[in-house]
Protein backbone atom coordinates (compact mmCIF):
# COMPACT_ATOMS: atom_id res chain seq x y z
CA MET A 1 7.75 -18.14 -19.34
CA ALA A 2 9.64 -14.95 -18.98
CA VAL A 3 9.34 -12.39 -21.77
CA PRO A 4 11.92 -9.86 -22.58
CA GLN A 5 10.14 -6.52 -21.86
CA ALA A 6 6.64 -5.65 -20.17
CA SER A 7 4.32 -3.84 -22.59
CA VAL A 8 3.20 -0.15 -21.49
CA PRO A 9 -0.62 -1.34 -21.34
CA PHE A 10 0.67 -4.51 -19.36
CA THR A 11 2.68 -2.27 -16.76
CA LEU A 12 0.17 0.16 -16.42
CA LEU A 13 -2.43 -2.49 -15.59
CA LEU A 14 -0.17 -3.92 -13.24
CA GLY A 15 0.67 -0.67 -11.72
CA VAL A 16 -3.08 0.14 -11.06
CA LEU A 17 -3.45 -3.26 -9.30
CA ILE A 18 -0.94 -2.77 -7.04
CA ALA A 19 -2.17 0.68 -6.35
CA LEU A 20 -5.62 -0.65 -5.49
CA THR A 21 -4.78 -0.67 -1.90
CA ALA A 22 -3.66 3.06 -1.92
CA LEU A 23 -6.86 3.80 -3.89
CA GLY A 24 -9.16 2.62 -1.28
CA MET A 25 -7.27 4.34 1.49
CA ASP A 26 -6.45 7.87 -0.30
CA MET A 27 -9.97 8.34 -2.08
CA PHE A 28 -11.66 7.61 1.16
CA LEU A 29 -9.65 9.85 3.50
CA PRO A 30 -11.47 13.19 2.53
CA SER A 31 -14.88 11.60 3.05
CA VAL A 32 -13.54 10.64 7.17
CA PRO A 33 -14.69 13.98 8.91
CA LEU A 34 -17.90 14.25 7.01
CA ILE A 35 -18.86 10.54 8.07
CA ALA A 36 -18.48 11.41 11.74
CA GLN A 37 -20.47 14.61 11.28
CA SER A 38 -23.14 12.92 9.45
CA PHE A 39 -23.87 10.43 11.87
CA GLY A 40 -23.03 12.62 14.84
CA ALA A 41 -19.86 10.56 15.92
CA GLU A 42 -16.35 11.50 17.00
CA PRO A 43 -13.68 11.76 14.56
CA GLY A 44 -12.00 8.88 15.96
CA ALA A 45 -15.06 6.43 15.56
CA ALA A 46 -14.87 7.49 11.80
CA GLN A 47 -11.27 6.40 11.73
CA LEU A 48 -12.56 3.04 12.56
CA ALA A 49 -13.47 2.56 8.98
CA VAL A 50 -9.69 3.17 8.23
CA THR A 51 -8.45 0.45 10.52
CA THR A 52 -11.17 -1.95 9.44
CA TYR A 53 -10.22 -1.59 5.88
CA LEU A 54 -6.74 -2.18 6.77
CA LEU A 55 -7.51 -5.59 8.65
CA GLY A 56 -9.38 -6.44 5.38
CA LEU A 57 -6.30 -5.88 3.24
CA ALA A 58 -4.26 -8.25 5.71
CA VAL A 59 -6.99 -10.98 5.67
CA GLY A 60 -7.27 -10.81 2.15
CA GLN A 61 -3.65 -11.12 1.14
CA ILE A 62 -2.91 -13.91 3.55
CA SER A 63 -5.44 -15.88 1.94
CA LEU A 64 -5.71 -14.82 -1.71
CA GLY A 65 -1.87 -15.57 -2.53
CA PRO A 66 -1.99 -19.18 -1.83
CA LEU A 67 -5.51 -19.31 -3.78
CA SER A 68 -3.79 -17.88 -6.66
CA ASP A 69 -0.67 -20.30 -6.61
CA ARG A 70 -3.55 -23.13 -6.77
CA PHE A 71 -6.22 -21.46 -8.84
CA GLY A 72 -4.29 -19.20 -11.00
CA ARG A 73 -3.75 -15.51 -10.92
CA LYS A 74 -6.58 -14.38 -13.09
CA PRO A 75 -9.63 -16.16 -11.25
CA VAL A 76 -8.46 -15.17 -8.03
CA LEU A 77 -8.17 -11.52 -9.13
CA LEU A 78 -11.69 -11.50 -10.93
CA ALA A 79 -13.00 -12.74 -7.57
CA GLY A 80 -11.48 -10.16 -5.50
CA VAL A 81 -12.27 -7.25 -7.88
CA GLY A 82 -16.08 -8.44 -7.90
CA LEU A 83 -15.97 -8.26 -3.92
CA PHE A 84 -14.75 -4.78 -4.29
CA PHE A 85 -17.44 -3.90 -6.53
CA VAL A 86 -20.33 -5.38 -4.27
CA SER A 87 -18.99 -3.91 -1.07
CA SER A 88 -18.66 -0.48 -2.66
CA ALA A 89 -22.06 -0.36 -4.10
CA CYS A 90 -23.33 -1.45 -0.61
CA GLY A 91 -21.27 1.18 1.09
CA ALA A 92 -23.22 4.13 -0.55
CA ALA A 93 -26.45 2.95 1.11
CA ALA A 94 -24.84 2.31 4.45
CA ASP A 95 -26.81 4.01 7.59
CA SER A 96 -24.35 4.01 10.35
CA VAL A 97 -20.65 4.30 11.13
CA LEU A 98 -20.45 0.65 12.16
CA GLU A 99 -21.94 -0.51 8.89
CA VAL A 100 -19.60 1.62 6.81
CA ALA A 101 -16.79 0.14 8.89
CA LEU A 102 -17.94 -3.52 8.24
CA LEU A 103 -18.26 -2.92 4.35
CA ARG A 104 -14.75 -1.30 4.61
CA PHE A 105 -13.49 -4.58 5.91
CA ALA A 106 -15.03 -6.33 3.02
CA GLN A 107 -13.69 -3.80 0.45
CA GLY A 108 -10.18 -4.21 1.79
CA ALA A 109 -10.33 -7.89 1.46
CA GLY A 110 -11.31 -7.49 -2.24
CA MET A 111 -9.09 -4.89 -3.07
CA SER A 112 -6.26 -6.76 -1.53
CA SER A 113 -6.36 -9.21 -4.62
CA GLY A 114 -4.77 -6.31 -6.91
CA PRO A 115 -1.20 -6.22 -5.26
CA VAL A 116 -1.15 -9.92 -4.21
CA VAL A 117 -1.83 -10.96 -7.64
CA ALA A 118 0.37 -8.19 -9.51
CA ARG A 119 3.35 -8.94 -7.40
CA SER A 120 2.80 -12.58 -8.12
CA ILE A 121 2.68 -12.02 -11.95
CA VAL A 122 6.09 -10.02 -11.83
CA ARG A 123 7.78 -13.01 -10.16
CA ASP A 124 6.11 -15.41 -12.87
CA LEU A 125 7.80 -13.55 -15.34
CA TYR A 126 10.88 -11.89 -13.86
CA ALA A 127 13.59 -12.24 -11.08
CA ARG A 128 15.96 -9.90 -9.07
CA GLU A 129 17.08 -6.74 -11.00
CA GLN A 130 14.68 -7.54 -13.87
CA ALA A 131 11.84 -7.73 -11.35
CA ALA A 132 12.88 -4.88 -9.45
CA HIS A 133 13.04 -2.61 -12.72
CA LEU A 134 9.23 -3.86 -13.46
CA LEU A 135 8.36 -3.12 -9.91
CA SER A 136 9.71 0.35 -9.99
CA ARG A 137 7.97 1.14 -13.27
CA MET A 138 5.06 -0.09 -11.43
CA MET A 139 5.67 2.13 -8.49
CA ALA A 140 5.70 5.20 -10.67
CA VAL A 141 2.36 4.19 -11.76
CA PHE A 142 1.29 3.34 -8.33
CA GLY A 143 2.11 7.05 -7.60
CA ILE A 144 -0.21 8.50 -9.79
CA ILE A 145 -3.22 6.94 -7.93
CA PRO A 146 -2.41 8.57 -4.48
CA VAL A 147 -2.14 12.03 -6.51
CA ALA A 148 -5.52 11.71 -8.19
CA ALA A 149 -7.48 9.52 -5.60
CA PRO A 150 -7.63 12.30 -2.71
CA LEU A 151 -8.63 14.98 -5.55
CA VAL A 152 -11.45 12.61 -7.17
CA GLY A 153 -12.52 11.85 -3.33
CA GLY A 154 -12.75 15.49 -2.28
CA GLN A 155 -14.79 16.24 -5.46
CA ALA A 156 -17.15 13.37 -5.14
CA VAL A 157 -17.70 14.74 -1.38
CA ALA A 158 -18.27 18.04 -2.57
CA LEU A 159 -20.67 17.12 -5.14
CA GLY A 160 -22.53 14.41 -3.54
CA GLY A 161 -21.40 13.75 -0.02
CA TRP A 162 -19.63 10.90 1.34
CA PRO A 163 -21.80 8.07 -0.37
CA ALA A 164 -20.54 9.39 -3.68
CA VAL A 165 -17.12 8.10 -2.85
CA PHE A 166 -18.67 4.61 -2.77
CA LEU A 167 -20.26 5.02 -6.10
CA VAL A 168 -17.06 6.24 -7.69
CA PHE A 169 -15.22 3.06 -6.20
CA SER A 170 -17.94 1.06 -7.79
CA ALA A 171 -17.36 2.33 -11.16
CA ILE A 172 -13.67 1.85 -10.73
CA ALA A 173 -14.31 -1.78 -10.14
CA VAL A 174 -16.48 -2.24 -13.10
CA ALA A 175 -13.65 -0.86 -15.21
CA LEU A 176 -11.19 -3.15 -13.61
CA LEU A 177 -13.20 -6.34 -14.17
CA ALA A 178 -13.43 -5.50 -17.79
CA ALA A 179 -9.86 -4.82 -18.05
CA VAL A 180 -8.82 -7.93 -16.32
CA GLY A 181 -11.09 -10.08 -17.99
CA PHE A 182 -10.11 -8.97 -21.48
CA GLY A 183 -6.48 -8.06 -21.11
CA LEU A 184 -4.65 -10.17 -18.54
CA ARG A 185 -3.61 -13.76 -19.44
CA GLU A 186 -2.81 -16.37 -16.97
CA THR A 187 0.77 -16.60 -15.78
CA ALA A 188 0.82 -18.88 -12.86
CA PRO A 189 3.12 -22.09 -13.12
CA ALA A 190 1.66 -25.53 -14.52
CA GLU A 191 2.46 -26.74 -11.26
CA ARG A 192 -0.25 -25.86 -8.87
CA PRO A 193 0.18 -26.56 -4.86
CA SER A 194 -2.55 -27.67 -2.73
CA VAL A 195 -4.45 -25.25 -0.56
CA ALA A 196 -4.85 -27.64 2.24
CA PRO A 197 -4.31 -25.74 5.32
CA ALA A 198 -1.36 -27.68 6.27
CA ARG A 199 0.41 -27.09 2.95
CA ILE A 200 -0.32 -23.32 2.94
CA ALA A 201 1.50 -23.32 6.58
CA ALA A 202 4.24 -25.45 5.32
CA SER A 203 4.77 -22.78 2.67
CA TYR A 204 4.82 -20.14 5.15
CA THR A 205 7.15 -21.76 7.26
CA VAL A 206 9.68 -22.27 4.50
CA LEU A 207 9.59 -18.59 3.78
CA PHE A 208 10.19 -17.51 7.30
CA ALA A 209 12.89 -19.86 7.55
CA ASP A 210 14.78 -18.44 4.64
CA ALA A 211 16.99 -15.64 6.08
CA ARG A 212 16.90 -13.75 2.64
CA PHE A 213 12.90 -13.43 2.99
CA ARG A 214 13.26 -12.39 6.83
CA ALA A 215 15.81 -9.60 5.97
CA SER A 216 13.76 -8.22 2.93
CA LEU A 217 10.41 -8.41 4.62
CA ALA A 218 11.76 -6.67 7.78
CA THR A 219 13.28 -3.93 6.14
CA MET A 220 10.47 -3.03 3.76
CA LEU A 221 7.81 -3.96 6.43
CA LEU A 222 9.22 -1.02 8.75
CA ALA A 223 9.26 1.70 6.11
CA GLN A 224 5.68 0.64 4.91
CA LEU A 225 4.50 1.03 8.50
CA GLY A 226 5.76 4.47 8.33
CA ILE A 227 3.62 5.02 5.22
CA ILE A 228 0.51 3.77 7.00
CA ALA A 229 1.04 5.99 9.97
CA PHE A 230 1.18 8.89 7.73
CA VAL A 231 -1.79 7.92 5.55
CA SER A 232 -3.95 6.68 8.20
CA SER A 233 -3.59 9.74 10.70
CA SER A 234 -2.97 12.46 7.61
CA SER A 235 -6.74 13.53 7.50
CA LEU A 236 -7.22 14.01 11.15
CA ALA A 237 -3.64 15.81 11.44
CA MET A 238 -4.01 18.05 8.65
CA VAL A 239 -7.74 18.85 8.51
CA GLN A 240 -8.28 18.77 12.42
CA ALA A 241 -4.76 20.09 13.72
CA LEU A 242 -3.72 22.29 10.74
CA HIS A 243 -7.28 23.51 9.96
CA LEU A 244 -7.36 22.82 6.44
CA THR A 245 -10.26 22.26 4.28
CA PRO A 246 -11.00 18.70 2.78
CA THR A 247 -10.16 20.06 -0.62
CA ALA A 248 -6.80 21.63 0.63
CA PHE A 249 -5.96 18.35 2.28
CA SER A 250 -6.66 16.53 -0.91
CA LEU A 251 -4.24 18.78 -2.83
CA LEU A 252 -1.43 18.61 -0.31
CA PHE A 253 -1.88 14.81 0.11
CA ALA A 254 -1.54 14.62 -3.66
CA ALA A 255 1.41 16.62 -3.54
CA VAL A 256 3.08 14.24 -1.03
CA MET A 257 3.10 11.47 -3.80
CA ILE A 258 5.63 13.56 -6.00
CA GLY A 259 8.06 11.76 -3.98
CA GLN A 260 6.65 8.20 -5.03
CA ILE A 261 6.27 9.16 -8.62
CA THR A 262 9.93 10.66 -8.97
CA GLY A 263 11.27 7.95 -6.75
CA GLY A 264 9.76 5.24 -9.03
CA ILE A 265 10.55 6.77 -12.22
CA ILE A 266 14.33 7.32 -11.38
CA GLY A 267 14.63 4.14 -9.42
CA SER A 268 13.48 1.86 -12.56
CA ARG A 269 16.26 3.71 -14.77
CA ILE A 270 19.12 2.86 -12.13
CA VAL A 271 18.18 -0.20 -10.14
CA VAL A 272 19.70 -2.64 -12.94
CA ARG A 273 23.02 -0.70 -12.89
CA LEU A 274 23.51 0.02 -9.11
CA GLY A 275 21.72 -3.47 -7.90
CA ILE A 276 19.04 -4.36 -5.43
CA SER A 277 21.37 -4.03 -2.21
CA CYS A 278 22.25 -0.36 -3.20
CA MET A 279 18.90 0.68 -3.91
CA VAL A 280 17.67 -0.58 -0.45
CA ARG A 281 20.72 1.14 1.24
CA LEU A 282 20.16 4.47 -0.42
CA GLY A 283 16.42 4.41 -0.06
CA THR A 284 16.64 3.48 3.79
CA ALA A 285 18.86 6.51 4.21
CA LEU A 286 16.63 8.87 2.36
CA ALA A 287 13.59 7.71 4.26
CA LEU A 288 15.38 8.05 7.43
CA ALA A 289 16.23 11.78 6.59
CA GLY A 290 12.66 12.42 5.84
CA GLY A 291 11.40 10.84 9.25
CA LEU A 292 13.95 12.65 11.21
CA LEU A 293 12.96 15.95 9.61
CA LEU A 294 9.16 15.51 10.29
CA ALA A 295 9.64 14.75 13.80
CA ALA A 296 11.95 17.56 14.21
CA LEU A 297 9.56 20.20 12.85
CA ALA A 298 6.39 18.63 14.69
CA LEU A 299 8.53 18.90 18.00
CA ALA A 300 9.52 22.32 17.26
CA GLY A 301 5.76 23.21 16.99
CA MET A 302 5.79 24.02 13.36
CA SER A 303 2.21 24.16 12.12
CA HIS A 304 2.29 24.97 8.44
CA TRP A 305 1.50 22.35 6.07
CA SER A 306 4.97 22.59 4.45
CA ALA A 307 6.24 20.87 7.63
CA VAL A 308 4.58 17.79 6.94
CA VAL A 309 4.48 17.86 3.15
CA LEU A 310 8.06 18.25 2.33
CA PRO A 311 9.68 15.52 4.75
CA MET A 312 7.19 13.22 3.61
CA ILE A 313 8.18 13.76 -0.15
CA LEU A 314 11.55 13.06 0.86
CA TYR A 315 10.32 9.96 2.98
CA LEU A 316 8.30 8.61 -0.10
CA PHE A 317 11.09 9.15 -2.45
CA GLY A 318 13.43 6.89 -0.44
CA CYS A 319 10.64 4.30 -0.01
CA SER A 320 10.34 4.18 -3.75
CA PHE A 321 14.07 3.33 -4.03
CA MET A 322 13.90 0.68 -1.32
CA ILE A 323 10.34 -1.14 -1.40
CA PRO A 324 10.46 -2.49 -5.05
CA SER A 325 14.11 -3.77 -4.52
CA ALA A 326 13.44 -5.32 -1.29
CA THR A 327 10.04 -6.95 -2.56
CA ALA A 328 12.19 -8.41 -5.65
CA ALA A 329 14.87 -9.65 -3.10
CA ALA A 330 11.99 -11.48 -1.15
CA LEU A 331 10.29 -12.90 -4.04
CA SER A 332 13.11 -14.04 -6.16
CA PRO A 333 14.22 -17.19 -4.42
CA PHE A 334 10.46 -18.73 -4.66
CA PRO A 335 9.18 -18.97 -7.92
CA GLN A 336 6.92 -21.97 -7.06
CA MET A 337 5.56 -20.13 -3.99
CA ALA A 338 5.08 -16.51 -5.48
CA GLY A 339 1.45 -16.23 -4.30
CA ALA A 340 2.22 -17.23 -0.72
CA ALA A 341 5.50 -15.06 -0.48
CA SER A 342 3.46 -12.04 -1.99
CA SER A 343 0.53 -12.65 0.65
CA LEU A 344 3.16 -12.30 3.36
CA LEU A 345 4.52 -9.05 2.02
CA GLY A 346 1.10 -7.64 1.81
CA ALA A 347 -0.72 -8.96 4.78
CA LEU A 348 1.98 -8.09 7.50
CA PRO A 349 2.13 -4.49 6.66
CA PHE A 350 -1.58 -3.99 6.66
CA GLY A 351 -2.21 -6.26 9.69
CA LEU A 352 0.45 -4.33 11.84
CA GLY A 353 -0.58 -0.96 10.26
CA ALA A 354 -4.34 -1.87 11.43
CA VAL A 355 -2.76 -1.72 15.12
CA VAL A 356 -0.79 1.48 14.20
CA SER A 357 -3.83 3.27 12.77
CA ALA A 358 -5.83 2.41 15.78
CA GLY A 359 -3.06 3.61 18.10
CA LEU A 360 -2.62 6.84 16.41
CA ALA A 361 -6.27 7.41 16.31
CA GLY A 362 -6.40 7.18 20.25
CA ALA A 363 -3.19 9.12 20.62
CA PHE A 364 -4.33 11.99 18.46
CA ASP A 365 -3.99 15.14 20.71
CA GLY A 366 -4.94 17.81 18.12
CA THR A 367 -1.43 18.14 16.59
CA THR A 368 0.69 16.32 14.14
CA ARG A 369 3.20 15.00 16.87
CA PRO A 370 2.15 11.36 17.19
CA MET A 371 1.96 10.90 13.28
CA ALA A 372 5.44 12.58 12.88
CA LEU A 373 6.87 10.44 15.66
CA ALA A 374 5.56 7.59 14.58
CA VAL A 375 7.01 7.80 11.16
CA ALA A 376 10.26 9.08 12.37
CA VAL A 377 10.51 5.75 14.55
CA PHE A 378 9.54 3.49 11.73
CA SER A 379 12.19 5.31 9.62
CA ILE A 380 15.07 4.74 12.25
CA ALA A 381 13.98 0.99 12.52
CA ALA A 382 13.92 0.29 8.71
CA PHE A 383 17.35 2.25 8.37
CA LEU A 384 18.93 -0.10 11.33
CA ALA A 385 17.22 -3.34 9.75
CA GLU A 386 19.03 -2.75 6.52
CA ARG A 387 22.21 -1.85 8.11
CA PHE A 388 22.53 -4.91 10.60
CA TYR A 389 20.47 -7.46 8.70
CA PHE A 390 19.76 -6.83 5.16
CA ARG A 391 23.14 -5.69 4.14
CA LYS A 392 24.56 -8.86 5.83
CA ILE A 393 22.21 -11.40 4.16
CA VAL A 394 21.16 -10.29 0.74
CA HIS A 395 23.88 -9.46 -1.86
CA GLY A 396 22.91 -7.52 -4.92
């Protein structure tokens, strides 16, 4: 079923789908302080809506991948985007922080269908460096979403308050339903595995038993947790600690994504020549440099926005080299279990990310230090995982 080259519209659609999880986070962030203020809650209480969203992403991804292996990519994606629409429409009418948090869980579960199915489609069509090439191109598209999303969210909040963000989410869901319904063909293999719990558990056992999958997962998981630590805490850290306006925060958050866009573009052009292993090695080294710089500036008491934005640009640049290649390395050995493998690659970062988000909400001390230290710790861990595990197991 392989095709020689992914078309631009097809790549754009897959890029938007894989970026749905970032869209749901980044467009929502400018509304977090306002939600807390509207309901008379502490900032940490509104942060609960970020944590429940991450939990929804984890639950959705762990279940939707095997379902897409059995019933096909397109039906599962349409169902997920439909849940995204319903939860978003209801979110605009929420009347408490708890209700917002619960609807964000449902929203996360629905939006998780995007990256699960998009990664599975890539594996249906390509393997190894060719898969990494397409994933890198998708990463460049992905990077546009975090640039635009906080800006759109900030403007929506300015024009219509926090409920307007959910209305924009609803409109996006409708557009995606049309794009998927009319523009995406089925790519799942003809042989469809059972979705019996025992069969799904057996698939996950096979995946975890394979050292290539574990090495790839460990390296990218740790780097992704660093991204989640930044994204989930950035609103509090930059608005509360650095005293930025929501609009200024949106602009600076968008600027951070320059690293992701440029990394995705450059990575897609060099991965076939350099190979997966070299891309992962280089990416983790760049992410390490960004994480250590972020922590050093925070510990030195730097309270200027550039002390956050510039190191995070470097961190995301490195991640854009590493994550597509590590994803391709993890998926390539399992063409018949692409959905299950994709589920684990998505569920684990967001499941653990929910714990990281909750921990950082509790650790917030009015400075950027907790966020910066978390990013640094995860960058060190990802570097060590590549150096002592991935490099020994996976060969480009």
